């Protein structure tokens, strides 16, 4: 996993709300999760305009780890997987545009 590029103090409320929706839905294909992932991706892109897709994805996972810390390994893995799955959808759409 790459190191974080955005300090936790710079996480916006939009990013936190998007993570809440993604992790509450637990289904990246659900429309509310798709919208939340788009918001999270856009916010990260605003703060990391020159970063590659992998760096944005890594930062999304770091954001989730910071907002939802856990001692249980299985919980951490599921959280990371949900965030990764959700953010890949808007990331793929962004790649097709560019």
PDB file of N, CA and C in Angstrom:
ATOM      1  N   UNK A   1       0.849  -1.181   0.000  1.00  0.00           N
ATOM      2  CA  UNK A   1       0.000   0.000   0.000  1.00  0.00           C
ATOM      3  C   UNK A   1       0.884   1.230   0.000  1.00  0.00           C
ATOM      4  N   UNK A   2       0.547   2.161  -0.822  1.00  0.00           N
ATOM      5  CA  UNK A   2       1.311   3.395  -0.903  1.00  0.00           C
ATOM      6  C   UNK A   2       1.035   4.266   0.311  1.00  0.00           C
ATOM      7  N   UNK A   3       1.942   5.192   0.553  1.00  0.00           N
ATOM      8  CA  UNK A   3       1.746   6.088   1.680  1.00  0.00           C
ATOM      9  C   UNK A   3       0.722   7.152   1.340  1.00  0.00           C
ATOM     10  N   UNK A   4       0.079   7.658   2.366  1.00  0.00           N
ATOM     11  CA  UNK A   4      -0.947   8.665   2.143  1.00  0.00           C
ATOM     12  C   UNK A   4      -0.332   9.965   1.660  1.00  0.00           C
ATOM     13  N   UNK A   5      -1.100  10.685   0.861  1.00  0.00           N
ATOM     14  CA  UNK A   5      -0.654  11.952   0.316  1.00  0.00           C
ATOM     15  C   UNK A   5      -1.428  13.122   0.894  1.00  0.00           C
ATOM     16  N   UNK A   6      -2.571  12.845   1.460  1.00  0.00           N
ATOM     17  CA  UNK A   6      -3.406  13.896   2.040  1.00  0.00           C
ATOM     18  C   UNK A   6      -3.453  13.672   3.545  1.00  0.00           C
ATOM     19  N   UNK A   7      -3.203  14.708   4.282  1.00  0.00           N
ATOM     20  CA  UNK A   7      -3.261  14.611   5.741  1.00  0.00           C
ATOM     21  C   UNK A   7      -4.718  14.505   6.194  1.00  0.00           C
ATOM     22  N   UNK A   8      -4.981  13.732   7.240  1.00  0.00           N
ATOM     23  CA  UNK A   8      -6.362  13.545   7.707  1.00  0.00           C
ATOM     24  C   UNK A   8      -7.102  14.840   8.035  1.00  0.00           C
ATOM     25  N   UNK A   9      -6.385  15.891   8.410  1.00  0.00           N
ATOM     26  CA  UNK A   9      -7.057  17.169   8.705  1.00  0.00           C
ATOM     27  C   UNK A   9      -7.701  17.768   7.455  1.00  0.00           C
ATOM     28  N   UNK A  10      -7.235  17.373   6.284  1.00  0.00           N
ATOM     29  CA  UNK A  10      -7.747  17.933   5.036  1.00  0.00           C
ATOM     30  C   UNK A  10      -8.915  17.141   4.462  1.00  0.00           C
ATOM     31  N   UNK A  11      -9.307  16.059   5.126  1.00  0.00           N
ATOM     32  CA  UNK A  11     -10.466  15.308   4.661  1.00  0.00           C
ATOM     33  C   UNK A  11     -11.707  16.177   4.817  1.00  0.00           C
ATOM     34  N   UNK A  12     -12.503  16.251   3.779  1.00  0.00           N
ATOM     35  CA  UNK A  12     -13.690  17.096   3.811  1.00  0.00           C
ATOM     36  C   UNK A  12     -14.883  16.326   4.374  1.00  0.00           C
ATOM     37  N   UNK A  13     -15.892  17.068   4.741  1.00  0.00           N
ATOM     38  CA  UNK A  13     -17.121  16.456   5.247  1.00  0.00           C
ATOM     39  C   UNK A  13     -17.777  15.609   4.155  1.00  0.00           C
ATOM     40  N   UNK A  14     -17.667  16.039   2.901  1.00  0.00           N
ATOM     41  CA  UNK A  14     -18.211  15.268   1.781  1.00  0.00           C
ATOM     42  C   UNK A  14     -17.550  13.894   1.708  1.00  0.00           C
ATOM     43  N   UNK A  15     -16.248  13.861   1.933  1.00  0.00           N
ATOM     44  CA  UNK A  15     -15.531  12.586   1.906  1.00  0.00           C
ATOM     45  C   UNK A  15     -16.015  11.670   3.023  1.00  0.00           C
ATOM     46  N   UNK A  16     -16.191  12.221   4.185  1.00  0.00           N
ATOM     47  CA  UNK A  16     -16.642  11.415   5.323  1.00  0.00           C
ATOM     48  C   UNK A  16     -18.069  10.891   5.121  1.00  0.00           C
ATOM     49  N   UNK A  17     -18.940  11.758   4.607  1.00  0.00           N
ATOM     50  CA  UNK A  17     -20.323  11.335   4.348  1.00  0.00           C
ATOM     51  C   UNK A  17     -20.365  10.248   3.277  1.00  0.00           C
ATOM     52  N   UNK A  18     -19.535  10.401   2.246  1.00  0.00           N
ATOM     53  CA  UNK A  18     -19.488   9.396   1.182  1.00  0.00           C
ATOM     54  C   UNK A  18     -19.034   8.053   1.739  1.00  0.00           C
ATOM     55  N   UNK A  19     -18.034   8.070   2.596  1.00  0.00           N
ATOM     56  CA  UNK A  19     -17.579   6.825   3.222  1.00  0.00           C
ATOM     57  C   UNK A  19     -18.670   6.210   4.073  1.00  0.00           C
ATOM     58  N   UNK A  20     -19.422   7.035   4.793  1.00  0.00           N
ATOM     59  CA  UNK A  20     -20.537   6.528   5.597  1.00  0.00           C
ATOM     60  C   UNK A  20     -21.517   5.750   4.727  1.00  0.00           C
ATOM     61  N   UNK A  21     -21.875   6.330   3.591  1.00  0.00           N
ATOM     62  CA  UNK A  21     -22.844   5.681   2.704  1.00  0.00           C
ATOM     63  C   UNK A  21     -22.264   4.393   2.126  1.00  0.00           C
ATOM     64  N   UNK A  22     -21.028   4.444   1.658  1.00  0.00           N
ATOM     65  CA  UNK A  22     -20.402   3.257   1.067  1.00  0.00           C
ATOM     66  C   UNK A  22     -20.352   2.108   2.075  1.00  0.00           C
ATOM     67  N   UNK A  23     -19.926   2.419   3.279  1.00  0.00           N
ATOM     68  CA  UNK A  23     -19.770   1.365   4.281  1.00  0.00           C
ATOM     69  C   UNK A  23     -21.101   0.929   4.896  1.00  0.00           C
ATOM     70  N   UNK A  24     -22.101   1.800   4.899  1.00  0.00           N
ATOM     71  CA  UNK A  24     -23.422   1.407   5.395  1.00  0.00           C
ATOM     72  C   UNK A  24     -24.155   0.522   4.394  1.00  0.00           C
ATOM     73  N   UNK A  25     -24.026   0.849   3.090  1.00  0.00           N
ATOM     74  CA  UNK A  25     -24.707   0.064   2.055  1.00  0.00           C
ATOM     75  C   UNK A  25     -24.074  -1.311   1.878  1.00  0.00           C
ATOM     76  N   UNK A  26     -22.754  -1.364   1.948  1.00  0.00           N
ATOM     77  CA  UNK A  26     -22.007  -2.619   1.749  1.00  0.00           C
ATOM     78  C   UNK A  26     -22.300  -3.259   0.395  1.00  0.00           C
ATOM     79  N   UNK A  27     -22.649  -2.453  -0.596  1.00  0.00           N
ATOM     80  CA  UNK A  27     -22.930  -2.959  -1.935  1.00  0.00           C
ATOM     81  C   UNK A  27     -22.516  -1.900  -2.956  1.00  0.00           C
ATOM     82  N   UNK A  28     -21.328  -2.052  -3.566  1.00  0.00           N
ATOM     83  CA  UNK A  28     -20.848  -1.050  -4.520  1.00  0.00           C
ATOM     84  C   UNK A  28     -21.753  -0.854  -5.736  1.00  0.00           C
ATOM     85  N   UNK A  29     -22.615  -1.839  -6.038  1.00  0.00           N
ATOM     86  CA  UNK A  29     -23.499  -1.720  -7.188  1.00  0.00           C
ATOM     87  C   UNK A  29     -24.775  -0.936  -6.869  1.00  0.00           C
ATOM     88  N   UNK A  30     -25.048  -0.681  -5.606  1.00  0.00           N
ATOM     89  CA  UNK A  30     -26.242   0.057  -5.193  1.00  0.00           C
ATOM     90  C   UNK A  30     -26.097   1.523  -5.626  1.00  0.00           C
ATOM     91  N   UNK A  31     -27.175   2.134  -6.073  1.00  0.00           N
ATOM     92  CA  UNK A  31     -27.098   3.481  -6.633  1.00  0.00           C
ATOM     93  C   UNK A  31     -26.583   4.512  -5.631  1.00  0.00           C
ATOM     94  N   UNK A  32     -26.961   4.395  -4.370  1.00  0.00           N
ATOM     95  CA  UNK A  32     -26.486   5.354  -3.376  1.00  0.00           C
ATOM     96  C   UNK A  32     -24.980   5.202  -3.157  1.00  0.00           C
ATOM     97  N   UNK A  33     -24.474   3.977  -3.221  1.00  0.00           N
ATOM     98  CA  UNK A  33     -23.033   3.763  -3.096  1.00  0.00           C
ATOM     99  C   UNK A  33     -22.294   4.302  -4.312  1.00  0.00           C
ATOM    100  N   UNK A  34     -22.889   4.149  -5.476  1.00  0.00           N
ATOM    101  CA  UNK A  34     -22.260   4.680  -6.694  1.00  0.00           C
ATOM    102  C   UNK A  34     -22.130   6.194  -6.608  1.00  0.00           C
ATOM    103  N   UNK A  35     -23.202   6.860  -6.171  1.00  0.00           N
ATOM    104  CA  UNK A  35     -23.165   8.318  -6.030  1.00  0.00           C
ATOM    105  C   UNK A  35     -22.138   8.730  -4.983  1.00  0.00           C
ATOM    106  N   UNK A  36     -22.109   8.025  -3.870  1.00  0.00           N
ATOM    107  CA  UNK A  36     -21.153   8.347  -2.812  1.00  0.00           C
ATOM    108  C   UNK A  36     -19.722   8.134  -3.295  1.00  0.00           C
ATOM    109  N   UNK A  37     -19.495   7.072  -4.042  1.00  0.00           N
ATOM    110  CA  UNK A  37     -18.151   6.814  -4.568  1.00  0.00           C
ATOM    111  C   UNK A  37     -17.729   7.909  -5.537  1.00  0.00           C
ATOM    112  N   UNK A  38     -18.672   8.398  -6.341  1.00  0.00           N
ATOM    113  CA  UNK A  38     -18.362   9.508  -7.249  1.00  0.00           C
ATOM    114  C   UNK A  38     -17.962  10.747  -6.464  1.00  0.00           C
ATOM    115  N   UNK A  39     -18.700  11.038  -5.406  1.00  0.00           N
ATOM    116  CA  UNK A  39     -18.371  12.208  -4.573  1.00  0.00           C
ATOM    117  C   UNK A  39     -17.004  12.049  -3.926  1.00  0.00           C
ATOM    118  N   UNK A  40     -16.731  10.874  -3.390  1.00  0.00           N
ATOM    119  CA  UNK A  40     -15.438  10.621  -2.757  1.00  0.00           C
ATOM    120  C   UNK A  40     -14.319  10.753  -3.776  1.00  0.00           C
ATOM    121  N   UNK A  41     -14.510  10.167  -4.945  1.00  0.00           N
ATOM    122  CA  UNK A  41     -13.490  10.226  -5.999  1.00  0.00           C
ATOM    123  C   UNK A  41     -13.239  11.671  -6.442  1.00  0.00           C
ATOM    124  N   UNK A  42     -14.321  12.434  -6.626  1.00  0.00           N
ATOM    125  CA  UNK A  42     -14.172  13.842  -7.037  1.00  0.00           C
ATOM    126  C   UNK A  42     -13.430  14.654  -5.991  1.00  0.00           C
ATOM    127  N   UNK A  43     -13.765  14.449  -4.724  1.00  0.00           N
ATOM    128  CA  UNK A  43     -13.083  15.183  -3.646  1.00  0.00           C
ATOM    129  C   UNK A  43     -11.596  14.838  -3.605  1.00  0.00           C
ATOM    130  N   UNK A  44     -11.283  13.563  -3.767  1.00  0.00           N
ATOM    131  CA  UNK A  44      -9.875  13.168  -3.778  1.00  0.00           C
ATOM    132  C   UNK A  44      -9.153  13.744  -4.990  1.00  0.00           C
ATOM    133  N   UNK A  45      -9.821  13.753  -6.128  1.00  0.00           N
ATOM    134  CA  UNK A  45      -9.227  14.323  -7.343  1.00  0.00           C
ATOM    135  C   UNK A  45      -8.954  15.822  -7.191  1.00  0.00           C
ATOM    136  N   UNK A  46      -9.853  16.521  -6.485  1.00  0.00           N
ATOM    137  CA  UNK A  46      -9.638  17.955  -6.245  1.00  0.00           C
ATOM    138  C   UNK A  46      -8.361  18.175  -5.449  1.00  0.00           C
ATOM    139  N   UNK A  47      -8.123  17.311  -4.469  1.00  0.00           N
ATOM    140  CA  UNK A  47      -6.957  17.466  -3.612  1.00  0.00           C
ATOM    141  C   UNK A  47      -5.706  16.842  -4.215  1.00  0.00           C
ATOM    142  N   UNK A  48      -5.875  15.967  -5.197  1.00  0.00           N
ATOM    143  CA  UNK A  48      -4.747  15.280  -5.831  1.00  0.00           C
ATOM    144  C   UNK A  48      -4.885  15.357  -7.352  1.00  0.00           C
ATOM    145  N   UNK A  49      -4.851  16.551  -7.937  1.00  0.00           N
ATOM    146  CA  UNK A  49      -5.139  16.675  -9.366  1.00  0.00           C
ATOM    147  C   UNK A  49      -4.123  15.992 -10.285  1.00  0.00           C
ATOM    148  N   UNK A  50      -2.900  15.872  -9.863  1.00  0.00           N
ATOM    149  CA  UNK A  50      -1.867  15.286 -10.710  1.00  0.00           C
ATOM    150  C   UNK A  50      -1.587  13.814 -10.397  1.00  0.00           C
ATOM    151  N   UNK A  51      -2.282  13.255  -9.439  1.00  0.00           N
ATOM    152  CA  UNK A  51      -2.034  11.878  -9.010  1.00  0.00           C
ATOM    153  C   UNK A  51      -2.605  10.881 -10.004  1.00  0.00           C
ATOM    154  N   UNK A  52      -1.978   9.732 -10.061  1.00  0.00           N
ATOM    155  CA  UNK A  52      -2.480   8.647 -10.882  1.00  0.00           C
ATOM    156  C   UNK A  52      -3.657   7.961 -10.213  1.00  0.00           C
ATOM    157  N   UNK A  53      -4.287   7.088 -10.953  1.00  0.00           N
ATOM    158  CA  UNK A  53      -5.469   6.396 -10.441  1.00  0.00           C
ATOM    159  C   UNK A  53      -5.136   5.544  -9.222  1.00  0.00           C
ATOM    160  N   UNK A  54      -4.000   4.892  -9.245  1.00  0.00           N
ATOM    161  CA  UNK A  54      -3.612   4.052  -8.111  1.00  0.00           C
ATOM    162  C   UNK A  54      -3.426   4.850  -6.838  1.00  0.00           C
ATOM    163  N   UNK A  55      -2.864   6.044  -6.969  1.00  0.00           N
ATOM    164  CA  UNK A  55      -2.663   6.900  -5.793  1.00  0.00           C
ATOM    165  C   UNK A  55      -4.004   7.376  -5.233  1.00  0.00           C
ATOM    166  N   UNK A  56      -4.947   7.676  -6.097  1.00  0.00           N
ATOM    167  CA  UNK A  56      -6.274   8.105  -5.647  1.00  0.00           C
ATOM    168  C   UNK A  56      -6.979   6.945  -4.946  1.00  0.00           C
ATOM    169  N   UNK A  57      -6.873   5.759  -5.509  1.00  0.00           N
ATOM    170  CA  UNK A  57      -7.475   4.587  -4.888  1.00  0.00           C
ATOM    171  C   UNK A  57      -6.844   4.309  -3.525  1.00  0.00           C
ATOM    172  N   UNK A  58      -5.535   4.393  -3.452  1.00  0.00           N
ATOM    173  CA  UNK A  58      -4.837   4.175  -2.179  1.00  0.00           C
ATOM    174  C   UNK A  58      -5.258   5.211  -1.143  1.00  0.00           C
ATOM    175  N   UNK A  59      -5.415   6.453  -1.574  1.00  0.00           N
ATOM    176  CA  UNK A  59      -5.821   7.505  -0.643  1.00  0.00           C
ATOM    177  C   UNK A  59      -7.242   7.282  -0.160  1.00  0.00           C
ATOM    178  N   UNK A  60      -8.124   6.772  -1.015  1.00  0.00           N
ATOM    179  CA  UNK A  60      -9.492   6.459  -0.596  1.00  0.00           C
ATOM    180  C   UNK A  60      -9.470   5.410   0.514  1.00  0.00           C
ATOM    181  N   UNK A  61      -8.613   4.424   0.365  1.00  0.00           N
ATOM    182  CA  UNK A  61      -8.505   3.384   1.395  1.00  0.00           C
ATOM    183  C   UNK A  61      -7.933   3.967   2.679  1.00  0.00           C
ATOM    184  N   UNK A  62      -6.910   4.821   2.563  1.00  0.00           N
ATOM    185  CA  UNK A  62      -6.353   5.478   3.755  1.00  0.00           C
ATOM    186  C   UNK A  62      -7.415   6.322   4.452  1.00  0.00           C
ATOM    187  N   UNK A  63      -8.248   6.981   3.674  1.00  0.00           N
ATOM    188  CA  UNK A  63      -9.318   7.794   4.250  1.00  0.00           C
ATOM    189  C   UNK A  63     -10.256   6.914   5.078  1.00  0.00           C
ATOM    190  N   UNK A  64     -10.628   5.767   4.523  1.00  0.00           N
ATOM    191  CA  UNK A  64     -11.489   4.837   5.247  1.00  0.00           C
ATOM    192  C   UNK A  64     -10.833   4.298   6.502  1.00  0.00           C
ATOM    193  N   UNK A  65      -9.543   4.012   6.410  1.00  0.00           N
ATOM    194  CA  UNK A  65      -8.822   3.511   7.581  1.00  0.00           C
ATOM    195  C   UNK A  65      -8.763   4.555   8.688  1.00  0.00           C
ATOM    196  N   UNK A  66      -8.611   5.798   8.296  1.00  0.00           N
ATOM    197  CA  UNK A  66      -8.547   6.870   9.287  1.00  0.00           C
ATOM    198  C   UNK A  66      -9.920   7.130   9.903  1.00  0.00           C
ATOM    199  N   UNK A  67     -10.961   7.126   9.069  1.00  0.00           N
ATOM    200  CA  UNK A  67     -12.308   7.422   9.559  1.00  0.00           C
ATOM    201  C   UNK A  67     -12.916   6.259  10.344  1.00  0.00           C
ATOM    202  N   UNK A  68     -12.554   5.031   9.986  1.00  0.00           N
ATOM    203  CA  UNK A  68     -13.116   3.836  10.618  1.00  0.00           C
ATOM    204  C   UNK A  68     -12.010   2.881  11.045  1.00  0.00           C
ATOM    205  N   UNK A  69     -11.256   3.227  12.074  1.00  0.00           N
ATOM    206  CA  UNK A  69     -10.205   2.312  12.530  1.00  0.00           C
ATOM    207  C   UNK A  69     -10.816   1.052  13.142  1.00  0.00           C
ATOM    208  N   UNK A  70     -10.086  -0.049  13.041  1.00  0.00           N
ATOM    209  CA  UNK A  70     -10.576  -1.305  13.585  1.00  0.00           C
ATOM    210  C   UNK A  70      -9.393  -2.160  14.035  1.00  0.00           C
ATOM    211  N   UNK A  71      -9.607  -2.914  15.098  1.00  0.00           N
ATOM    212  CA  UNK A  71      -8.587  -3.837  15.585  1.00  0.00           C
ATOM    213  C   UNK A  71      -8.732  -5.218  14.958  1.00  0.00           C
ATOM    214  N   UNK A  72      -9.909  -5.515  14.443  1.00  0.00           N
ATOM    215  CA  UNK A  72     -10.184  -6.821  13.861  1.00  0.00           C
ATOM    216  C   UNK A  72      -9.709  -6.874  12.405  1.00  0.00           C
ATOM    217  N   UNK A  73      -8.854  -7.837  12.090  1.00  0.00           N
ATOM    218  CA  UNK A  73      -8.290  -7.925  10.750  1.00  0.00           C
ATOM    219  C   UNK A  73      -9.361  -8.156   9.693  1.00  0.00           C
ATOM    220  N   UNK A  74     -10.317  -9.003   9.961  1.00  0.00           N
ATOM    221  CA  UNK A  74     -11.371  -9.280   8.982  1.00  0.00           C
ATOM    222  C   UNK A  74     -12.190  -8.020   8.688  1.00  0.00           C
ATOM    223  N   UNK A  75     -12.495  -7.258   9.715  1.00  0.00           N
ATOM    224  CA  UNK A  75     -13.232  -6.005   9.536  1.00  0.00           C
ATOM    225  C   UNK A  75     -12.426  -5.028   8.686  1.00  0.00           C
ATOM    226  N   UNK A  76     -11.131  -4.933   8.947  1.00  0.00           N
ATOM    227  CA  UNK A  76     -10.261  -4.044   8.162  1.00  0.00           C
ATOM    228  C   UNK A  76     -10.236  -4.462   6.699  1.00  0.00           C
ATOM    229  N   UNK A  77     -10.104  -5.746   6.448  1.00  0.00           N
ATOM    230  CA  UNK A  77     -10.055  -6.246   5.076  1.00  0.00           C
ATOM    231  C   UNK A  77     -11.369  -5.987   4.346  1.00  0.00           C
ATOM    232  N   UNK A  78     -12.488  -6.201   5.017  1.00  0.00           N
ATOM    233  CA  UNK A  78     -13.793  -5.947   4.398  1.00  0.00           C
ATOM    234  C   UNK A  78     -13.989  -4.461   4.107  1.00  0.00           C
ATOM    235  N   UNK A  79     -13.594  -3.604   5.047  1.00  0.00           N
ATOM    236  CA  UNK A  79     -13.695  -2.157   4.850  1.00  0.00           C
ATOM    237  C   UNK A  79     -12.872  -1.742   3.627  1.00  0.00           C
ATOM    238  N   UNK A  80     -11.626  -2.191   3.565  1.00  0.00           N
ATOM    239  CA  UNK A  80     -10.757  -1.845   2.437  1.00  0.00           C
ATOM    240  C   UNK A  80     -11.331  -2.346   1.112  1.00  0.00           C
ATOM    241  N   UNK A  81     -11.872  -3.576   1.131  1.00  0.00           N
ATOM    242  CA  UNK A  81     -12.445  -4.151  -0.082  1.00  0.00           C
ATOM    243  C   UNK A  81     -13.668  -3.360  -0.559  1.00  0.00           C
ATOM    244  N   UNK A  82     -14.536  -2.981   0.371  1.00  0.00           N
ATOM    245  CA  UNK A  82     -15.727  -2.203  -0.007  1.00  0.00           C
ATOM    246  C   UNK A  82     -15.342  -0.865  -0.615  1.00  0.00           C
ATOM    247  N   UNK A  83     -14.397  -0.192  -0.005  1.00  0.00           N
ATOM    248  CA  UNK A  83     -13.964   1.112  -0.521  1.00  0.00           C
ATOM    249  C   UNK A  83     -13.319   0.943  -1.885  1.00  0.00           C
ATOM    250  N   UNK A  84     -12.447  -0.042  -2.012  1.00  0.00           N
ATOM    251  CA  UNK A  84     -11.758  -0.297  -3.284  1.00  0.00           C
ATOM    252  C   UNK A  84     -12.778  -0.595  -4.385  1.00  0.00           C
ATOM    253  N   UNK A  85     -13.737  -1.449  -4.097  1.00  0.00           N
ATOM    254  CA  UNK A  85     -14.752  -1.819  -5.089  1.00  0.00           C
ATOM    255  C   UNK A  85     -15.604  -0.628  -5.501  1.00  0.00           C
ATOM    256  N   UNK A  86     -15.972   0.187  -4.532  1.00  0.00           N
ATOM    257  CA  UNK A  86     -16.826   1.341  -4.837  1.00  0.00           C
ATOM    258  C   UNK A  86     -16.087   2.393  -5.649  1.00  0.00           C
ATOM    259  N   UNK A  87     -14.854   2.694  -5.302  1.00  0.00           N
ATOM    260  CA  UNK A  87     -14.114   3.781  -5.966  1.00  0.00           C
ATOM    261  C   UNK A  87     -13.642   3.369  -7.360  1.00  0.00           C
ATOM    262  N   UNK A  88     -13.529   2.083  -7.604  1.00  0.00           N
ATOM    263  CA  UNK A  88     -13.100   1.645  -8.935  1.00  0.00           C
ATOM    264  C   UNK A  88     -14.119   1.994 -10.009  1.00  0.00           C
ATOM    265  N   UNK A  89     -15.388   2.084  -9.665  1.00  0.00           N
ATOM    266  CA  UNK A  89     -16.409   2.415 -10.655  1.00  0.00           C
ATOM    267  C   UNK A  89     -16.236   3.825 -11.216  1.00  0.00           C
ATOM    268  N   UNK A  90     -16.181   4.884 -10.393  1.00  0.00           N
ATOM    269  CA  UNK A  90     -15.966   6.218 -10.977  1.00  0.00           C
ATOM    270  C   UNK A  90     -14.559   6.369 -11.549  1.00  0.00           C
ATOM    271  N   UNK A  91     -13.593   5.641 -11.018  1.00  0.00           N
ATOM    272  CA  UNK A  91     -12.231   5.712 -11.526  1.00  0.00           C
ATOM    273  C   UNK A  91     -12.185   5.169 -12.962  1.00  0.00           C
ATOM    274  N   UNK A  92     -12.875   4.064 -13.220  1.00  0.00           N
ATOM    275  CA  UNK A  92     -12.920   3.501 -14.549  1.00  0.00           C
ATOM    276  C   UNK A  92     -13.627   4.447 -15.524  1.00  0.00           C
ATOM    277  N   UNK A  93     -14.697   5.076 -15.069  1.00  0.00           N
ATOM    278  CA  UNK A  93     -15.404   6.043 -15.920  1.00  0.00           C
ATOM    279  C   UNK A  93     -14.504   7.231 -16.252  1.00  0.00           C
ATOM    280  N   UNK A  94     -13.731   7.684 -15.284  1.00  0.00           N
ATOM    281  CA  UNK A  94     -12.815   8.796 -15.494  1.00  0.00           C
ATOM    282  C   UNK A  94     -11.728   8.420 -16.496  1.00  0.00           C
ATOM    283  N   UNK A  95     -11.254   7.209 -16.431  1.00  0.00           N
ATOM    284  CA  UNK A  95     -10.222   6.754 -17.369  1.00  0.00           C
ATOM    285  C   UNK A  95     -10.766   6.704 -18.791  1.00  0.00           C
ATOM    286  N   UNK A  96     -12.029   6.286 -18.944  1.00  0.00           N
ATOM    287  CA  UNK A  96     -12.623   6.214 -20.283  1.00  0.00           C
ATOM    288  C   UNK A  96     -12.774   7.611 -20.889  1.00  0.00           C
ATOM    289  N   UNK A  97     -13.065   8.606 -20.056  1.00  0.00           N
ATOM    290  CA  UNK A  97     -13.213   9.986 -20.541  1.00  0.00           C
ATOM    291  C   UNK A  97     -11.883  10.534 -21.039  1.00  0.00           C
ATOM    292  N   UNK A  98     -10.824  10.266 -20.262  1.00  0.00           N
ATOM    293  CA  UNK A  98      -9.512  10.855 -20.543  1.00  0.00           C
ATOM    294  C   UNK A  98      -8.740  10.095 -21.510  1.00  0.00           C
TER     295      UNK A  98
END
